[in-house]
Amino acid sequence: MSFLPIFAVYFIIWWITLFAVLPLGMRSQDDEGDVTLGTVGSAPARMRMGRVLILTTLVSAVIYGVWFAVSSYFGISLASLPRIVPEFR
């Protein structure tokens, strides 16, 4: 497999994983008891974006590794799934 499909699949997995990892460990300003004037109480108190990006990269690498192993060793890919959309002739 060439670099472009590998990168495309990993990129999609990374973005989906980002939105799953983003709320992990987030403490709101209400939780901390220190709401800044002009902000909503549910806003993050401290946003640790570096930690989120590293965790997202690690989790998505594991997910991609599982996908790559399944598609390489067992021959299961997206083409193996049944076609849902009918063919129009």
N, C-alpha and C. Protein backbone atom coordinates (compact mmCIF):
# COMPACT_ATOMS: atom_id res chain seq x y z
N MET A 1 0.85 -1.16 0.00
CA MET A 1 0.00 0.00 0.00
C MET A 1 0.90 1.23 0.00
N SER A 2 0.54 2.22 -0.79
CA SER A 2 1.35 3.43 -0.88
C SER A 2 1.09 4.36 0.30
N PHE A 3 1.86 5.41 0.37
CA PHE A 3 1.81 6.33 1.51
C PHE A 3 0.49 7.09 1.58
N LEU A 4 -0.06 7.50 0.46
CA LEU A 4 -1.27 8.33 0.46
C LEU A 4 -2.49 7.63 1.08
N PRO A 5 -2.82 6.39 0.71
CA PRO A 5 -3.95 5.73 1.39
C PRO A 5 -3.69 5.49 2.88
N ILE A 6 -2.45 5.17 3.24
CA ILE A 6 -2.12 4.99 4.65
C ILE A 6 -2.36 6.28 5.41
N PHE A 7 -1.88 7.39 4.86
CA PHE A 7 -2.05 8.69 5.50
C PHE A 7 -3.52 9.08 5.57
N ALA A 8 -4.28 8.82 4.51
CA ALA A 8 -5.70 9.21 4.47
C ALA A 8 -6.50 8.46 5.53
N VAL A 9 -6.27 7.16 5.65
CA VAL A 9 -7.00 6.38 6.65
C VAL A 9 -6.60 6.81 8.05
N TYR A 10 -5.30 7.02 8.28
CA TYR A 10 -4.84 7.45 9.60
C TYR A 10 -5.39 8.83 9.95
N PHE A 11 -5.45 9.73 8.98
CA PHE A 11 -5.96 11.08 9.19
C PHE A 11 -7.43 11.05 9.61
N ILE A 12 -8.22 10.22 8.96
CA ILE A 12 -9.63 10.10 9.31
C ILE A 12 -9.80 9.51 10.71
N ILE A 13 -9.04 8.47 11.00
CA ILE A 13 -9.09 7.86 12.34
C ILE A 13 -8.65 8.87 13.39
N TRP A 14 -7.61 9.67 13.08
CA TRP A 14 -7.10 10.66 14.04
C TRP A 14 -8.16 11.70 14.38
N TRP A 15 -8.87 12.21 13.36
CA TRP A 15 -9.89 13.24 13.62
C TRP A 15 -11.07 12.69 14.42
N ILE A 16 -11.49 11.48 14.11
CA ILE A 16 -12.59 10.89 14.87
C ILE A 16 -12.17 10.65 16.31
N THR A 17 -10.95 10.18 16.50
CA THR A 17 -10.43 9.93 17.84
C THR A 17 -10.27 11.23 18.61
N LEU A 18 -9.89 12.31 17.94
CA LEU A 18 -9.74 13.60 18.61
C LEU A 18 -11.01 14.01 19.33
N PHE A 19 -12.15 13.88 18.67
CA PHE A 19 -13.41 14.29 19.29
C PHE A 19 -13.84 13.34 20.39
N ALA A 20 -13.33 12.10 20.37
CA ALA A 20 -13.62 11.17 21.46
C ALA A 20 -12.73 11.44 22.67
N VAL A 21 -11.48 11.87 22.43
CA VAL A 21 -10.51 12.08 23.51
C VAL A 21 -10.64 13.47 24.11
N LEU A 22 -11.14 14.42 23.37
CA LEU A 22 -11.17 15.83 23.80
C LEU A 22 -11.80 16.06 25.17
N PRO A 23 -12.93 15.45 25.50
CA PRO A 23 -13.51 15.72 26.83
C PRO A 23 -12.88 14.96 27.99
N LEU A 24 -11.96 14.03 27.73
CA LEU A 24 -11.37 13.24 28.81
C LEU A 24 -10.51 14.13 29.71
N GLY A 25 -10.78 14.10 30.99
CA GLY A 25 -9.99 14.85 31.95
C GLY A 25 -10.26 16.34 31.97
N MET A 26 -11.26 16.80 31.26
CA MET A 26 -11.56 18.23 31.20
C MET A 26 -12.33 18.64 32.45
N ARG A 27 -11.86 19.68 33.09
CA ARG A 27 -12.56 20.22 34.25
C ARG A 27 -13.07 21.60 33.88
N SER A 28 -14.36 21.83 34.13
CA SER A 28 -14.96 23.11 33.78
C SER A 28 -14.65 24.15 34.84
N GLN A 29 -14.94 25.39 34.51
CA GLN A 29 -14.73 26.47 35.46
C GLN A 29 -15.66 26.32 36.66
N ASP A 30 -16.85 25.77 36.44
CA ASP A 30 -17.76 25.49 37.56
C ASP A 30 -17.16 24.45 38.51
N ASP A 31 -16.53 23.41 37.93
CA ASP A 31 -15.91 22.38 38.77
C ASP A 31 -14.78 22.96 39.62
N GLU A 32 -14.03 23.89 39.06
CA GLU A 32 -12.91 24.50 39.77
C GLU A 32 -13.37 25.59 40.74
N GLY A 33 -14.59 26.11 40.55
CA GLY A 33 -15.11 27.17 41.41
C GLY A 33 -14.55 28.54 41.08
N ASP A 34 -14.02 28.70 39.87
CA ASP A 34 -13.41 29.97 39.47
C ASP A 34 -13.90 30.32 38.06
N VAL A 35 -15.06 30.97 37.98
CA VAL A 35 -15.63 31.34 36.69
C VAL A 35 -15.15 32.74 36.33
N THR A 36 -14.47 32.85 35.20
CA THR A 36 -13.96 34.12 34.72
C THR A 36 -15.11 34.96 34.19
N LEU A 37 -15.10 36.23 34.50
CA LEU A 37 -16.16 37.14 34.07
C LEU A 37 -16.23 37.18 32.54
N GLY A 38 -17.42 37.00 32.02
CA GLY A 38 -17.64 37.04 30.58
C GLY A 38 -17.56 35.69 29.91
N THR A 39 -17.33 34.62 30.67
CA THR A 39 -17.29 33.28 30.09
C THR A 39 -18.40 32.43 30.69
N VAL A 40 -18.69 31.35 30.03
CA VAL A 40 -19.70 30.41 30.50
C VAL A 40 -19.05 29.50 31.55
N GLY A 41 -19.82 29.10 32.53
CA GLY A 41 -19.29 28.25 33.58
C GLY A 41 -18.83 26.89 33.11
N SER A 42 -19.36 26.43 31.96
CA SER A 42 -18.97 25.13 31.44
C SER A 42 -17.71 25.18 30.58
N ALA A 43 -17.11 26.36 30.45
CA ALA A 43 -15.87 26.49 29.69
C ALA A 43 -14.73 25.80 30.44
N PRO A 44 -13.75 25.27 29.70
CA PRO A 44 -12.64 24.58 30.39
C PRO A 44 -11.86 25.53 31.28
N ALA A 45 -11.47 25.04 32.45
CA ALA A 45 -10.66 25.84 33.36
C ALA A 45 -9.23 25.91 32.83
N ARG A 46 -8.66 24.78 32.49
CA ARG A 46 -7.33 24.70 31.90
C ARG A 46 -7.40 23.76 30.71
N MET A 47 -7.07 24.24 29.55
CA MET A 47 -7.09 23.39 28.35
C MET A 47 -5.68 22.89 28.09
N ARG A 48 -5.48 21.59 28.23
CA ARG A 48 -4.17 20.99 27.99
C ARG A 48 -4.19 20.35 26.60
N MET A 49 -4.02 21.18 25.59
CA MET A 49 -4.12 20.71 24.21
C MET A 49 -2.98 19.79 23.83
N GLY A 50 -1.79 20.02 24.37
CA GLY A 50 -0.67 19.13 24.06
C GLY A 50 -0.92 17.71 24.52
N ARG A 51 -1.46 17.56 25.72
CA ARG A 51 -1.80 16.24 26.25
C ARG A 51 -2.87 15.58 25.41
N VAL A 52 -3.85 16.35 24.99
CA VAL A 52 -4.94 15.81 24.16
C VAL A 52 -4.40 15.34 22.81
N LEU A 53 -3.51 16.13 22.20
CA LEU A 53 -2.96 15.76 20.89
C LEU A 53 -2.09 14.51 20.98
N ILE A 54 -1.29 14.40 22.03
CA ILE A 54 -0.44 13.21 22.20
C ILE A 54 -1.31 11.97 22.45
N LEU A 55 -2.31 12.09 23.31
CA LEU A 55 -3.19 10.97 23.58
C LEU A 55 -3.97 10.56 22.34
N THR A 56 -4.43 11.54 21.56
CA THR A 56 -5.14 11.25 20.32
C THR A 56 -4.24 10.51 19.34
N THR A 57 -2.99 10.94 19.22
CA THR A 57 -2.06 10.30 18.31
C THR A 57 -1.79 8.86 18.73
N LEU A 58 -1.61 8.61 20.02
CA LEU A 58 -1.34 7.26 20.50
C LEU A 58 -2.55 6.34 20.31
N VAL A 59 -3.73 6.82 20.67
CA VAL A 59 -4.93 5.98 20.54
C VAL A 59 -5.23 5.70 19.07
N SER A 60 -5.10 6.70 18.21
CA SER A 60 -5.38 6.48 16.79
C SER A 60 -4.32 5.59 16.15
N ALA A 61 -3.07 5.61 16.64
CA ALA A 61 -2.05 4.70 16.13
C ALA A 61 -2.41 3.25 16.48
N VAL A 62 -2.93 3.02 17.68
CA VAL A 62 -3.35 1.66 18.06
C VAL A 62 -4.53 1.22 17.21
N ILE A 63 -5.50 2.10 17.01
CA ILE A 63 -6.66 1.76 16.18
C ILE A 63 -6.23 1.47 14.75
N TYR A 64 -5.32 2.29 14.22
CA TYR A 64 -4.84 2.06 12.85
C TYR A 64 -4.06 0.75 12.77
N GLY A 65 -3.27 0.45 13.80
CA GLY A 65 -2.52 -0.80 13.80
C GLY A 65 -3.43 -2.01 13.77
N VAL A 66 -4.52 -1.96 14.53
CA VAL A 66 -5.50 -3.05 14.50
C VAL A 66 -6.14 -3.16 13.13
N TRP A 67 -6.51 -2.03 12.56
CA TRP A 67 -7.12 -2.04 11.22
C TRP A 67 -6.14 -2.59 10.19
N PHE A 68 -4.88 -2.18 10.27
CA PHE A 68 -3.88 -2.64 9.32
C PHE A 68 -3.65 -4.15 9.45
N ALA A 69 -3.59 -4.65 10.69
CA ALA A 69 -3.40 -6.08 10.91
C ALA A 69 -4.57 -6.89 10.38
N VAL A 70 -5.77 -6.42 10.64
CA VAL A 70 -6.95 -7.14 10.16
C VAL A 70 -7.01 -7.13 8.63
N SER A 71 -6.72 -5.99 8.02
CA SER A 71 -6.81 -5.91 6.57
C SER A 71 -5.65 -6.65 5.89
N SER A 72 -4.48 -6.70 6.51
CA SER A 72 -3.34 -7.35 5.88
C SER A 72 -3.35 -8.87 6.09
N TYR A 73 -3.54 -9.30 7.32
CA TYR A 73 -3.40 -10.71 7.63
C TYR A 73 -4.66 -11.52 7.40
N PHE A 74 -5.82 -10.93 7.61
CA PHE A 74 -7.06 -11.66 7.44
C PHE A 74 -7.77 -11.34 6.13
N GLY A 75 -7.31 -10.33 5.42
CA GLY A 75 -7.89 -9.99 4.13
C GLY A 75 -9.25 -9.31 4.21
N ILE A 76 -9.60 -8.81 5.38
CA ILE A 76 -10.88 -8.12 5.55
C ILE A 76 -10.65 -6.64 5.30
N SER A 77 -11.42 -6.08 4.39
CA SER A 77 -11.29 -4.66 4.08
C SER A 77 -12.67 -4.07 3.86
N LEU A 78 -12.70 -2.80 3.49
CA LEU A 78 -13.99 -2.17 3.23
C LEU A 78 -14.69 -2.80 2.03
N ALA A 79 -13.92 -3.33 1.10
CA ALA A 79 -14.52 -3.99 -0.06
C ALA A 79 -15.21 -5.30 0.32
N SER A 80 -14.87 -5.85 1.47
CA SER A 80 -15.49 -7.11 1.93
C SER A 80 -16.89 -6.91 2.49
N LEU A 81 -17.21 -5.69 2.86
CA LEU A 81 -18.53 -5.41 3.43
C LEU A 81 -19.61 -5.52 2.36
N PRO A 82 -20.80 -5.95 2.74
CA PRO A 82 -21.87 -6.04 1.74
C PRO A 82 -22.25 -4.65 1.24
N ARG A 83 -22.62 -4.61 -0.01
CA ARG A 83 -22.99 -3.33 -0.62
C ARG A 83 -24.40 -2.97 -0.20
N ILE A 84 -24.57 -1.76 0.36
CA ILE A 84 -25.86 -1.32 0.85
C ILE A 84 -26.62 -0.56 -0.23
N VAL A 85 -25.91 0.22 -1.02
CA VAL A 85 -26.53 1.04 -2.04
C VAL A 85 -26.82 0.17 -3.26
N PRO A 86 -28.03 0.22 -3.77
CA PRO A 86 -28.33 -0.61 -4.94
C PRO A 86 -27.63 -0.08 -6.19
N GLU A 87 -27.37 -0.97 -7.11
CA GLU A 87 -26.77 -0.57 -8.38
C GLU A 87 -27.84 -0.07 -9.32
N PHE A 88 -27.59 1.05 -9.98
CA PHE A 88 -28.51 1.60 -10.97
C PHE A 88 -27.95 1.36 -12.34
N ARG A 89 -28.75 0.82 -13.20
CA ARG A 89 -28.28 0.51 -14.56
C ARG A 89 -28.98 1.37 -15.57
